[in-house]
Protein backbone atom coordinates (compact mmCIF):
# COMPACT_ATOMS: atom_id res chain seq x y z
CA UNK A 1 3.14 -1.89 18.39
CA UNK A 2 -0.19 -1.65 20.16
CA UNK A 3 0.04 2.17 20.14
CA UNK A 4 0.64 2.03 16.38
CA UNK A 5 -2.44 -0.14 15.85
CA UNK A 6 -4.57 2.02 18.14
CA UNK A 7 -3.47 5.01 16.08
CA UNK A 8 -4.87 3.33 12.97
CA UNK A 9 -8.24 3.21 14.77
CA UNK A 10 -7.97 6.79 16.05
CA UNK A 11 -6.97 8.09 12.60
CA UNK A 12 -9.84 6.18 10.92
CA UNK A 13 -7.44 4.49 8.55
CA UNK A 14 -9.85 1.65 7.78
CA UNK A 15 -12.42 4.20 6.58
CA UNK A 16 -9.83 6.05 4.51
CA UNK A 17 -8.53 2.79 3.01
CA UNK A 18 -12.07 1.66 2.24
CA UNK A 19 -12.82 4.90 0.42
CA UNK A 20 -9.55 4.61 -1.53
CA UNK A 21 -10.42 1.02 -2.48
CA UNK A 22 -13.87 2.15 -3.61
CA UNK A 23 -12.37 4.90 -5.77
CA UNK A 24 -9.87 2.44 -7.26
CA UNK A 25 -12.70 0.02 -8.01
CA UNK A 26 -14.76 2.81 -9.58
CA UNK A 27 -11.84 3.81 -11.80
CA UNK A 28 -11.48 0.22 -12.94
CA UNK A 29 -15.21 -0.02 -13.58
CA UNK A 30 -15.24 3.21 -15.59
CA UNK A 31 -12.24 2.02 -17.63
CA UNK A 32 -14.02 -1.26 -18.42
CA UNK A 33 -17.27 0.55 -19.15
CA UNK A 34 -15.47 2.89 -21.55
CA UNK A 35 -13.83 -0.05 -23.27
CA UNK A 36 -17.08 -1.85 -24.03
CA UNK A 37 -19.48 1.04 -24.44
CA UNK A 38 -17.24 3.82 -25.74
CA UNK A 39 -19.11 4.65 -28.92
CA UNK A 40 -22.19 3.65 -30.87
CA UNK A 41 -20.85 3.47 -34.43
CA UNK A 42 -17.59 2.42 -36.05
CA UNK A 43 -16.65 5.89 -37.30
CA UNK A 44 -16.66 7.43 -33.80
CA UNK A 45 -14.86 4.54 -32.12
CA UNK A 46 -11.57 5.48 -30.49
CA UNK A 47 -8.37 3.63 -31.25
CA UNK A 48 -8.74 0.08 -29.87
CA UNK A 49 -5.11 -0.02 -28.74
CA UNK A 50 -5.62 3.18 -26.76
CA UNK A 51 -8.78 1.78 -25.21
CA UNK A 52 -7.01 -1.43 -24.19
CA UNK A 53 -4.18 0.63 -22.71
CA UNK A 54 -6.69 2.68 -20.71
CA UNK A 55 -8.47 -0.47 -19.58
CA UNK A 56 -5.18 -1.91 -18.29
CA UNK A 57 -3.35 1.20 -17.08
CA UNK A 58 -6.19 3.03 -15.28
CA UNK A 59 -6.79 0.29 -12.69
CA UNK A 60 -3.03 -0.16 -12.19
CA UNK A 61 -2.59 3.57 -11.62
CA UNK A 62 -5.50 3.59 -9.17
CA UNK A 63 -3.97 0.66 -7.27
CA UNK A 64 -0.56 2.32 -7.10
CA UNK A 65 -2.18 5.47 -5.68
CA UNK A 66 -4.09 3.36 -3.16
CA UNK A 67 -0.85 1.67 -2.05
CA UNK A 68 0.88 5.05 -1.74
CA UNK A 69 -1.95 6.20 0.51
CA UNK A 70 -1.52 3.04 2.59
CA UNK A 71 2.19 3.77 3.05
CA UNK A 72 1.47 7.35 4.14
CA UNK A 73 -1.11 6.10 6.66
CA UNK A 74 1.53 3.76 8.12
CA UNK A 75 3.91 6.68 8.65
CA UNK A 76 1.09 8.63 10.30
CA UNK A 77 0.20 5.69 12.58
CA UNK A 78 3.88 5.45 13.56
CA UNK A 79 3.95 9.18 14.36
CA UNK A 80 0.73 9.26 16.36
CA UNK A 81 1.59 5.97 18.09
CA UNK A 82 4.90 7.47 19.18
CA UNK A 83 3.08 10.55 20.46
CA UNK A 84 0.69 8.30 22.37
CA UNK A 85 3.50 6.57 24.27
CA UNK A 86 5.69 9.68 24.49
CA UNK A 87 8.61 8.47 22.38
CA UNK A 88 9.34 6.82 19.06
CA UNK A 89 12.15 4.67 20.48
CA UNK A 90 10.01 1.73 21.72
CA UNK A 91 8.18 1.41 18.40
CA UNK A 92 11.45 1.73 16.46
CA UNK A 93 12.94 -1.02 18.63
CA UNK A 94 9.92 -3.28 18.07
CA UNK A 95 10.07 -2.73 14.30
CA UNK A 96 13.79 -3.52 14.27
CA UNK A 97 13.18 -6.77 16.18
CA UNK A 98 10.37 -7.85 13.88
CA UNK A 99 12.49 -7.02 10.82
CA UNK A 100 15.44 -9.02 12.13
CA UNK A 101 13.19 -12.03 12.81
CA UNK A 102 11.72 -11.80 9.32
CA UNK A 103 15.23 -11.86 7.83
CA UNK A 104 16.35 -14.81 9.98
CA UNK A 105 13.58 -17.11 8.85
CA UNK A 106 12.91 -16.56 5.16
CA UNK A 107 9.40 -17.72 4.46
CA UNK A 108 8.40 -19.64 1.37
CA UNK A 109 5.10 -17.94 0.64
CA UNK A 110 3.21 -16.71 -2.38
CA UNK A 111 4.14 -13.04 -3.03
CA UNK A 112 0.44 -12.19 -3.28
CA UNK A 113 0.07 -13.10 0.42
CA UNK A 114 2.93 -10.84 1.61
CA UNK A 115 0.53 -8.01 2.53
CA UNK A 116 -1.05 -10.18 5.23
CA UNK A 117 2.14 -10.00 7.32
CA UNK A 118 3.26 -7.21 9.67
CA UNK A 119 6.71 -7.13 8.06
CA UNK A 120 7.23 -8.19 4.45
CA UNK A 121 8.31 -11.86 4.61
CA UNK A 122 9.86 -11.55 1.16
CA UNK A 123 12.61 -9.26 2.44
CA UNK A 124 15.37 -11.43 1.05
CA UNK A 125 13.93 -11.51 -2.47
CA UNK A 126 15.00 -8.92 -5.00
CA UNK A 127 11.95 -7.71 -6.88
CA UNK A 128 11.73 -5.01 -9.53
CA UNK A 129 9.58 -2.00 -8.61
CA UNK A 130 9.30 -3.38 -5.08
CA UNK A 131 8.58 -0.05 -3.39
CA UNK A 132 5.83 0.80 -5.84
CA UNK A 133 3.63 -2.10 -4.75
CA UNK A 134 4.39 -2.14 -1.01
CA UNK A 135 1.52 -1.56 1.41
CA UNK A 136 3.93 -0.55 4.19
CA UNK A 137 6.92 1.77 3.84
CA UNK A 138 10.39 0.24 4.18
CA UNK A 139 11.11 -0.61 7.81
CA UNK A 140 14.41 1.30 7.72
CA UNK A 141 12.56 4.50 6.77
CA UNK A 142 10.01 3.99 9.53
CA UNK A 143 12.71 3.37 12.14
CA UNK A 144 14.68 6.44 11.03
CA UNK A 145 11.61 8.67 11.34
CA UNK A 146 10.72 7.27 14.75
CA UNK A 147 14.25 7.75 16.08
CA UNK A 148 14.17 11.39 14.93
CA UNK A 149 11.14 12.06 17.15
C-alpha cells in the first residue's frame, strides 16, 4: 500500500486533483453567474427553467468528471506502485484483505464521509448510481488489473 501512496506523490495526483477541483468550482461559479446575470432586460432573458437546469446540472457534471479523474488516478497509482515493487500481487493481496475487513465489520457512518476511508465502508449498502459517485474504482477491478501485471 505504501508503494501505491508513494505513486500518488510521484504522479503529482494532489496537483491534478486540485486543478480538477478548481475547474469544477469554476464551472459551478460560471453556472451561478449565468443564472443571476444572464441578461439585462426581460425580452432577452433565456428560459428560466433552462437556466435552473444549467445551474443544477453543470456543477453535477463537473463533479462527476472530477470523480472519474480520481478513479483513473487510482488505477495509475496501482500500476506505478506495482512497478515500483516489481509485482502487482502484494498490492492486490493488501486490497483484498482490506476489502474483506470492510465487509466483516459494516460501519454505521454517514455516506458523505465514505470518501475519507481507504475502502468504501458502505460496501454492503445497495445504492443507485454507486459507481458514478465513487472516488476509487471498485476493489475487484483494481485487484484484477494488478493480478494481470
